[in-house]
Amino acid sequence: TYHTAMLEAREYQKDKAQEMATQLRS
């Protein structure tokens, strides 16, 4: 459960960082 939660947390951060990057690229 901990590893799953950590993966989800990392995916969340990755998505938000990607969203910022996409906004800047636009």
PDB file of all heavy atoms in Angstrom:
ATOM      1  N   THR A   1       0.833  -1.208   0.000  1.00  0.00           N
ATOM      2  CA  THR A   1       0.000   0.000   0.000  1.00  0.00           C
ATOM      3  C   THR A   1       0.866   1.256   0.000  1.00  0.00           C
ATOM      4  O   THR A   1       0.572   2.236  -0.690  1.00  0.00           O
ATOM      5  CB  THR A   1      -0.925   0.003   1.236  1.00  0.00           C
ATOM      6  OG1 THR A   1      -1.689  -1.203   1.247  1.00  0.00           O
ATOM      7  CG2 THR A   1      -1.861   1.193   1.200  1.00  0.00           C
ATOM      8  N   TYR A   2       1.962   1.194   0.783  1.00  0.00           N
ATOM      9  CA  TYR A   2       2.861   2.349   0.829  1.00  0.00           C
ATOM     10  C   TYR A   2       3.485   2.601  -0.540  1.00  0.00           C
ATOM     11  O   TYR A   2       3.536   3.746  -1.011  1.00  0.00           O
ATOM     12  CB  TYR A   2       3.954   2.106   1.870  1.00  0.00           C
ATOM     13  CG  TYR A   2       4.998   3.195   1.896  1.00  0.00           C
ATOM     14  CD1 TYR A   2       4.742   4.426   2.490  1.00  0.00           C
ATOM     15  CD2 TYR A   2       6.246   2.996   1.308  1.00  0.00           C
ATOM     16  CE1 TYR A   2       5.693   5.434   2.499  1.00  0.00           C
ATOM     17  CE2 TYR A   2       7.200   4.000   1.315  1.00  0.00           C
ATOM     18  CZ  TYR A   2       6.922   5.222   1.913  1.00  0.00           C
ATOM     19  OH  TYR A   2       7.865   6.210   1.903  1.00  0.00           O
ATOM     20  N   HIS A   3       3.967   1.533  -1.176  1.00  0.00           N
ATOM     21  CA  HIS A   3       4.582   1.705  -2.496  1.00  0.00           C
ATOM     22  C   HIS A   3       3.563   2.223  -3.513  1.00  0.00           C
ATOM     23  O   HIS A   3       3.881   3.070  -4.353  1.00  0.00           O
ATOM     24  CB  HIS A   3       5.174   0.381  -2.970  1.00  0.00           C
ATOM     25  CG  HIS A   3       6.462   0.020  -2.287  1.00  0.00           C
ATOM     26  ND1 HIS A   3       7.526   0.880  -2.210  1.00  0.00           N
ATOM     27  CD2 HIS A   3       6.865  -1.103  -1.643  1.00  0.00           C
ATOM     28  CE1 HIS A   3       8.522   0.323  -1.560  1.00  0.00           C
ATOM     29  NE2 HIS A   3       8.142  -0.898  -1.192  1.00  0.00           N
ATOM     30  N   THR A   4       2.329   1.695  -3.417  1.00  0.00           N
ATOM     31  CA  THR A   4       1.279   2.167  -4.326  1.00  0.00           C
ATOM     32  C   THR A   4       0.991   3.647  -4.093  1.00  0.00           C
ATOM     33  O   THR A   4       0.859   4.433  -5.045  1.00  0.00           O
ATOM     34  CB  THR A   4       0.001   1.345  -4.121  1.00  0.00           C
ATOM     35  OG1 THR A   4       0.278  -0.042  -4.380  1.00  0.00           O
ATOM     36  CG2 THR A   4      -1.098   1.809  -5.059  1.00  0.00           C
ATOM     37  N   ALA A   5       0.890   4.031  -2.795  1.00  0.00           N
ATOM     38  CA  ALA A   5       0.637   5.439  -2.467  1.00  0.00           C
ATOM     39  C   ALA A   5       1.782   6.328  -2.948  1.00  0.00           C
ATOM     40  O   ALA A   5       1.559   7.435  -3.462  1.00  0.00           O
ATOM     41  CB  ALA A   5       0.438   5.597  -0.960  1.00  0.00           C
ATOM     42  N   MET A   6       3.012   5.846  -2.801  1.00  0.00           N
ATOM     43  CA  MET A   6       4.162   6.623  -3.265  1.00  0.00           C
ATOM     44  C   MET A   6       4.145   6.763  -4.784  1.00  0.00           C
ATOM     45  O   MET A   6       4.457   7.839  -5.320  1.00  0.00           O
ATOM     46  CB  MET A   6       5.462   5.961  -2.807  1.00  0.00           C
ATOM     47  CG  MET A   6       5.777   6.156  -1.336  1.00  0.00           C
ATOM     48  SD  MET A   6       6.008   7.905  -0.890  1.00  0.00           S
ATOM     49  CE  MET A   6       7.472   8.310  -1.831  1.00  0.00           C
ATOM     50  N   LEU A   7       3.778   5.693  -5.480  1.00  0.00           N
ATOM     51  CA  LEU A   7       3.694   5.769  -6.941  1.00  0.00           C
ATOM     52  C   LEU A   7       2.635   6.776  -7.368  1.00  0.00           C
ATOM     53  O   LEU A   7       2.839   7.569  -8.294  1.00  0.00           O
ATOM     54  CB  LEU A   7       3.381   4.381  -7.511  1.00  0.00           C
ATOM     55  CG  LEU A   7       4.540   3.373  -7.523  1.00  0.00           C
ATOM     56  CD1 LEU A   7       4.042   2.011  -7.991  1.00  0.00           C
ATOM     57  CD2 LEU A   7       5.665   3.845  -8.433  1.00  0.00           C
ATOM     58  N   GLU A   8       1.490   6.732  -6.674  1.00  0.00           N
ATOM     59  CA  GLU A   8       0.426   7.682  -6.989  1.00  0.00           C
ATOM     60  C   GLU A   8       0.884   9.116  -6.697  1.00  0.00           C
ATOM     61  O   GLU A   8       0.571  10.043  -7.463  1.00  0.00           O
ATOM     62  CB  GLU A   8      -0.823   7.343  -6.181  1.00  0.00           C
ATOM     63  CG  GLU A   8      -1.487   6.037  -6.620  1.00  0.00           C
ATOM     64  CD  GLU A   8      -2.675   5.688  -5.747  1.00  0.00           C
ATOM     65  OE1 GLU A   8      -2.885   6.377  -4.721  1.00  0.00           O
ATOM     66  OE2 GLU A   8      -3.384   4.717  -6.072  1.00  0.00           O
ATOM     67  N   ALA A   9       1.604   9.298  -5.583  1.00  0.00           N
ATOM     68  CA  ALA A   9       2.107  10.641  -5.249  1.00  0.00           C
ATOM     69  C   ALA A   9       3.093  11.124  -6.310  1.00  0.00           C
ATOM     70  O   ALA A   9       3.052  12.283  -6.740  1.00  0.00           O
ATOM     71  CB  ALA A   9       2.781  10.613  -3.869  1.00  0.00           C
ATOM     72  N   ARG A  10       3.976  10.233  -6.731  1.00  0.00           N
ATOM     73  CA  ARG A  10       4.937  10.599  -7.776  1.00  0.00           C
ATOM     74  C   ARG A  10       4.230  10.913  -9.095  1.00  0.00           C
ATOM     75  O   ARG A  10       4.619  11.858  -9.808  1.00  0.00           O
ATOM     76  CB  ARG A  10       5.934   9.458  -7.979  1.00  0.00           C
ATOM     77  CG  ARG A  10       6.836   9.186  -6.785  1.00  0.00           C
ATOM     78  CD  ARG A  10       7.720  10.363  -6.472  1.00  0.00           C
ATOM     79  NE  ARG A  10       8.669  10.077  -5.396  1.00  0.00           N
ATOM     80  CZ  ARG A  10       9.416  10.979  -4.801  1.00  0.00           C
ATOM     81  NH1 ARG A  10       9.330  12.254  -5.165  1.00  0.00           N
ATOM     82  NH2 ARG A  10      10.255  10.650  -3.832  1.00  0.00           N
ATOM     83  N   GLU A  11       3.216  10.130  -9.409  1.00  0.00           N
ATOM     84  CA  GLU A  11       2.462  10.387 -10.641  1.00  0.00           C
ATOM     85  C   GLU A  11       1.746  11.725 -10.565  1.00  0.00           C
ATOM     86  O   GLU A  11       1.685  12.469 -11.552  1.00  0.00           O
ATOM     87  CB  GLU A  11       1.451   9.262 -10.878  1.00  0.00           C
ATOM     88  CG  GLU A  11       2.058   7.978 -11.406  1.00  0.00           C
ATOM     89  CD  GLU A  11       2.713   8.175 -12.766  1.00  0.00           C
ATOM     90  OE1 GLU A  11       2.125   8.879 -13.609  1.00  0.00           O
ATOM     91  OE2 GLU A  11       3.813   7.642 -12.985  1.00  0.00           O
ATOM     92  N   TYR A  12       1.209  12.030  -9.384  1.00  0.00           N
ATOM     93  CA  TYR A  12       0.537  13.322  -9.190  1.00  0.00           C
ATOM     94  C   TYR A  12       1.521  14.467  -9.432  1.00  0.00           C
ATOM     95  O   TYR A  12       1.239  15.423 -10.166  1.00  0.00           O
ATOM     96  CB  TYR A  12      -0.041  13.392  -7.780  1.00  0.00           C
ATOM     97  CG  TYR A  12      -0.403  14.800  -7.326  1.00  0.00           C
ATOM     98  CD1 TYR A  12      -1.577  15.415  -7.749  1.00  0.00           C
ATOM     99  CD2 TYR A  12       0.461  15.514  -6.488  1.00  0.00           C
ATOM    100  CE1 TYR A  12      -1.891  16.705  -7.349  1.00  0.00           C
ATOM    101  CE2 TYR A  12       0.156  16.799  -6.076  1.00  0.00           C
ATOM    102  CZ  TYR A  12      -1.022  17.394  -6.512  1.00  0.00           C
ATOM    103  OH  TYR A  12      -1.322  18.664  -6.114  1.00  0.00           O
ATOM    104  N   GLN A  13       2.697  14.369  -8.802  1.00  0.00           N
ATOM    105  CA  GLN A  13       3.698  15.427  -8.973  1.00  0.00           C
ATOM    106  C   GLN A  13       4.172  15.507 -10.423  1.00  0.00           C
ATOM    107  O   GLN A  13       4.367  16.600 -10.966  1.00  0.00           O
ATOM    108  CB  GLN A  13       4.889  15.160  -8.047  1.00  0.00           C
ATOM    109  CG  GLN A  13       4.591  15.403  -6.575  1.00  0.00           C
ATOM    110  CD  GLN A  13       5.854  15.395  -5.753  1.00  0.00           C
ATOM    111  OE1 GLN A  13       6.674  14.484  -5.828  1.00  0.00           O
ATOM    112  NE2 GLN A  13       6.027  16.429  -4.942  1.00  0.00           N
ATOM    113  N   LYS A  14       4.341  14.350 -11.023  1.00  0.00           N
ATOM    114  CA  LYS A  14       4.785  14.318 -12.425  1.00  0.00           C
ATOM    115  C   LYS A  14       3.757  14.990 -13.331  1.00  0.00           C
ATOM    116  O   LYS A  14       4.111  15.766 -14.232  1.00  0.00           O
ATOM    117  CB  LYS A  14       5.000  12.865 -12.855  1.00  0.00           C
ATOM    118  CG  LYS A  14       5.551  12.706 -14.263  1.00  0.00           C
ATOM    119  CD  LYS A  14       5.769  11.235 -14.572  1.00  0.00           C
ATOM    120  CE  LYS A  14       6.279  11.055 -16.000  1.00  0.00           C
ATOM    121  NZ  LYS A  14       6.469   9.613 -16.318  1.00  0.00           N
ATOM    122  N   ASP A  15       2.461  14.707 -13.077  1.00  0.00           N
ATOM    123  CA  ASP A  15       1.393  15.312 -13.897  1.00  0.00           C
ATOM    124  C   ASP A  15       1.377  16.833 -13.728  1.00  0.00           C
ATOM    125  O   ASP A  15       1.214  17.571 -14.716  1.00  0.00           O
ATOM    126  CB  ASP A  15       0.039  14.719 -13.494  1.00  0.00           C
ATOM    127  CG  ASP A  15      -0.099  13.268 -13.929  1.00  0.00           C
ATOM    128  OD1 ASP A  15       0.691  12.818 -14.773  1.00  0.00           O
ATOM    129  OD2 ASP A  15      -0.982  12.576 -13.391  1.00  0.00           O
ATOM    130  N   LYS A  16       1.528  17.306 -12.472  1.00  0.00           N
ATOM    131  CA  LYS A  16       1.491  18.740 -12.240  1.00  0.00           C
ATOM    132  C   LYS A  16       2.712  19.431 -12.852  1.00  0.00           C
ATOM    133  O   LYS A  16       2.607  20.534 -13.423  1.00  0.00           O
ATOM    134  CB  LYS A  16       1.415  19.037 -10.740  1.00  0.00           C
ATOM    135  CG  LYS A  16       0.110  18.578 -10.091  1.00  0.00           C
ATOM    136  CD  LYS A  16      -1.092  19.185 -10.781  1.00  0.00           C
ATOM    137  CE  LYS A  16      -2.410  18.671 -10.254  1.00  0.00           C
ATOM    138  NZ  LYS A  16      -3.576  19.226 -10.988  1.00  0.00           N
ATOM    139  N   ALA A  17       3.871  18.795 -12.738  1.00  0.00           N
ATOM    140  CA  ALA A  17       5.071  19.368 -13.353  1.00  0.00           C
ATOM    141  C   ALA A  17       4.923  19.399 -14.872  1.00  0.00           C
ATOM    142  O   ALA A  17       5.326  20.374 -15.526  1.00  0.00           O
ATOM    143  CB  ALA A  17       6.298  18.541 -12.949  1.00  0.00           C
ATOM    144  N   GLN A  18       4.316  18.347 -15.412  1.00  0.00           N
ATOM    145  CA  GLN A  18       4.103  18.310 -16.860  1.00  0.00           C
ATOM    146  C   GLN A  18       3.106  19.386 -17.286  1.00  0.00           C
ATOM    147  O   GLN A  18       3.254  20.016 -18.355  1.00  0.00           O
ATOM    148  CB  GLN A  18       3.584  16.923 -17.277  1.00  0.00           C
ATOM    149  CG  GLN A  18       3.472  16.697 -18.764  1.00  0.00           C
ATOM    150  CD  GLN A  18       4.813  16.803 -19.459  1.00  0.00           C
ATOM    151  OE1 GLN A  18       5.819  16.345 -18.947  1.00  0.00           O
ATOM    152  NE2 GLN A  18       4.838  17.422 -20.624  1.00  0.00           N
ATOM    153  N   GLU A  19       2.108  19.606 -16.441  1.00  0.00           N
ATOM    154  CA  GLU A  19       1.126  20.655 -16.748  1.00  0.00           C
ATOM    155  C   GLU A  19       1.796  22.029 -16.762  1.00  0.00           C
ATOM    156  O   GLU A  19       1.521  22.853 -17.656  1.00  0.00           O
ATOM    157  CB  GLU A  19      -0.001  20.619 -15.711  1.00  0.00           C
ATOM    158  CG  GLU A  19      -1.151  21.575 -16.023  1.00  0.00           C
ATOM    159  CD  GLU A  19      -2.285  21.468 -15.024  1.00  0.00           C
ATOM    160  OE1 GLU A  19      -2.275  20.515 -14.201  1.00  0.00           O
ATOM    161  OE2 GLU A  19      -3.185  22.333 -15.058  1.00  0.00           O
ATOM    162  N   MET A  20       2.664  22.288 -15.786  1.00  0.00           N
ATOM    163  CA  MET A  20       3.406  23.557 -15.781  1.00  0.00           C
ATOM    164  C   MET A  20       4.269  23.684 -17.024  1.00  0.00           C
ATOM    165  O   MET A  20       4.316  24.747 -17.667  1.00  0.00           O
ATOM    166  CB  MET A  20       4.295  23.641 -14.529  1.00  0.00           C
ATOM    167  CG  MET A  20       3.559  24.000 -13.259  1.00  0.00           C
ATOM    168  SD  MET A  20       4.731  24.438 -11.930  1.00  0.00           S
ATOM    169  CE  MET A  20       5.422  22.837 -11.550  1.00  0.00           C
ATOM    170  N   ALA A  21       4.962  22.596 -17.363  1.00  0.00           N
ATOM    171  CA  ALA A  21       5.843  22.620 -18.535  1.00  0.00           C
ATOM    172  C   ALA A  21       5.050  22.879 -19.807  1.00  0.00           C
ATOM    173  O   ALA A  21       5.479  23.642 -20.691  1.00  0.00           O
ATOM    174  CB  ALA A  21       6.615  21.303 -18.629  1.00  0.00           C
ATOM    175  N   THR A  22       3.880  22.257 -19.895  1.00  0.00           N
ATOM    176  CA  THR A  22       3.037  22.450 -21.083  1.00  0.00           C
ATOM    177  C   THR A  22       2.578  23.899 -21.194  1.00  0.00           C
ATOM    178  O   THR A  22       2.570  24.491 -22.289  1.00  0.00           O
ATOM    179  CB  THR A  22       1.821  21.510 -21.018  1.00  0.00           C
ATOM    180  OG1 THR A  22       2.291  20.151 -20.949  1.00  0.00           O
ATOM    181  CG2 THR A  22       0.923  21.674 -22.231  1.00  0.00           C
ATOM    182  N   GLN A  23       2.187  24.482 -20.069  1.00  0.00           N
ATOM    183  CA  GLN A  23       1.755  25.890 -20.069  1.00  0.00           C
ATOM    184  C   GLN A  23       2.901  26.816 -20.509  1.00  0.00           C
ATOM    185  O   GLN A  23       2.706  27.738 -21.308  1.00  0.00           O
ATOM    186  CB  GLN A  23       1.292  26.277 -18.659  1.00  0.00           C
ATOM    187  CG  GLN A  23      -0.008  25.616 -18.220  1.00  0.00           C
ATOM    188  CD  GLN A  23      -1.230  26.277 -18.835  1.00  0.00           C
ATOM    189  OE1 GLN A  23      -1.138  27.281 -19.543  1.00  0.00           O
ATOM    190  NE2 GLN A  23      -2.381  25.683 -18.592  1.00  0.00           N
ATOM    191  N   LEU A  24       4.110  26.535 -20.011  1.00  0.00           N
ATOM    192  CA  LEU A  24       5.249  27.362 -20.389  1.00  0.00           C
ATOM    193  C   LEU A  24       5.592  27.198 -21.868  1.00  0.00           C
ATOM    194  O   LEU A  24       5.917  28.177 -22.558  1.00  0.00           O
ATOM    195  CB  LEU A  24       6.467  27.005 -19.533  1.00  0.00           C
ATOM    196  CG  LEU A  24       6.430  27.487 -18.077  1.00  0.00           C
ATOM    197  CD1 LEU A  24       7.608  26.927 -17.298  1.00  0.00           C
ATOM    198  CD2 LEU A  24       6.432  29.008 -18.026  1.00  0.00           C
ATOM    199  N   ARG A  25       5.527  25.947 -22.350  1.00  0.00           N
ATOM    200  CA  ARG A  25       5.832  25.722 -23.763  1.00  0.00           C
ATOM    201  C   ARG A  25       4.808  26.442 -24.650  1.00  0.00           C
ATOM    202  O   ARG A  25       5.150  27.007 -25.692  1.00  0.00           O
ATOM    203  CB  ARG A  25       5.838  24.230 -24.057  1.00  0.00           C
ATOM    204  CG  ARG A  25       7.036  23.490 -23.450  1.00  0.00           C
ATOM    205  CD  ARG A  25       7.146  22.065 -23.982  1.00  0.00           C
ATOM    206  NE  ARG A  25       8.230  21.355 -23.338  1.00  0.00           N
ATOM    207  CZ  ARG A  25       8.073  20.482 -22.343  1.00  0.00           C
ATOM    208  NH1 ARG A  25       6.843  20.247 -21.878  1.00  0.00           N
ATOM    209  NH2 ARG A  25       9.102  19.874 -21.803  1.00  0.00           N
ATOM    210  N   SER A  26       3.520  26.394 -24.212  1.00  0.00           N
ATOM    211  CA  SER A  26       2.490  27.112 -24.975  1.00  0.00           C
ATOM    212  C   SER A  26       2.757  28.610 -24.969  1.00  0.00           C
ATOM    213  O   SER A  26       2.600  29.300 -25.992  1.00  0.00           O
ATOM    214  CB  SER A  26       1.103  26.829 -24.366  1.00  0.00           C
ATOM    215  OG  SER A  26       0.812  25.450 -24.422  1.00  0.00           O
TER     216      SER A  26
END
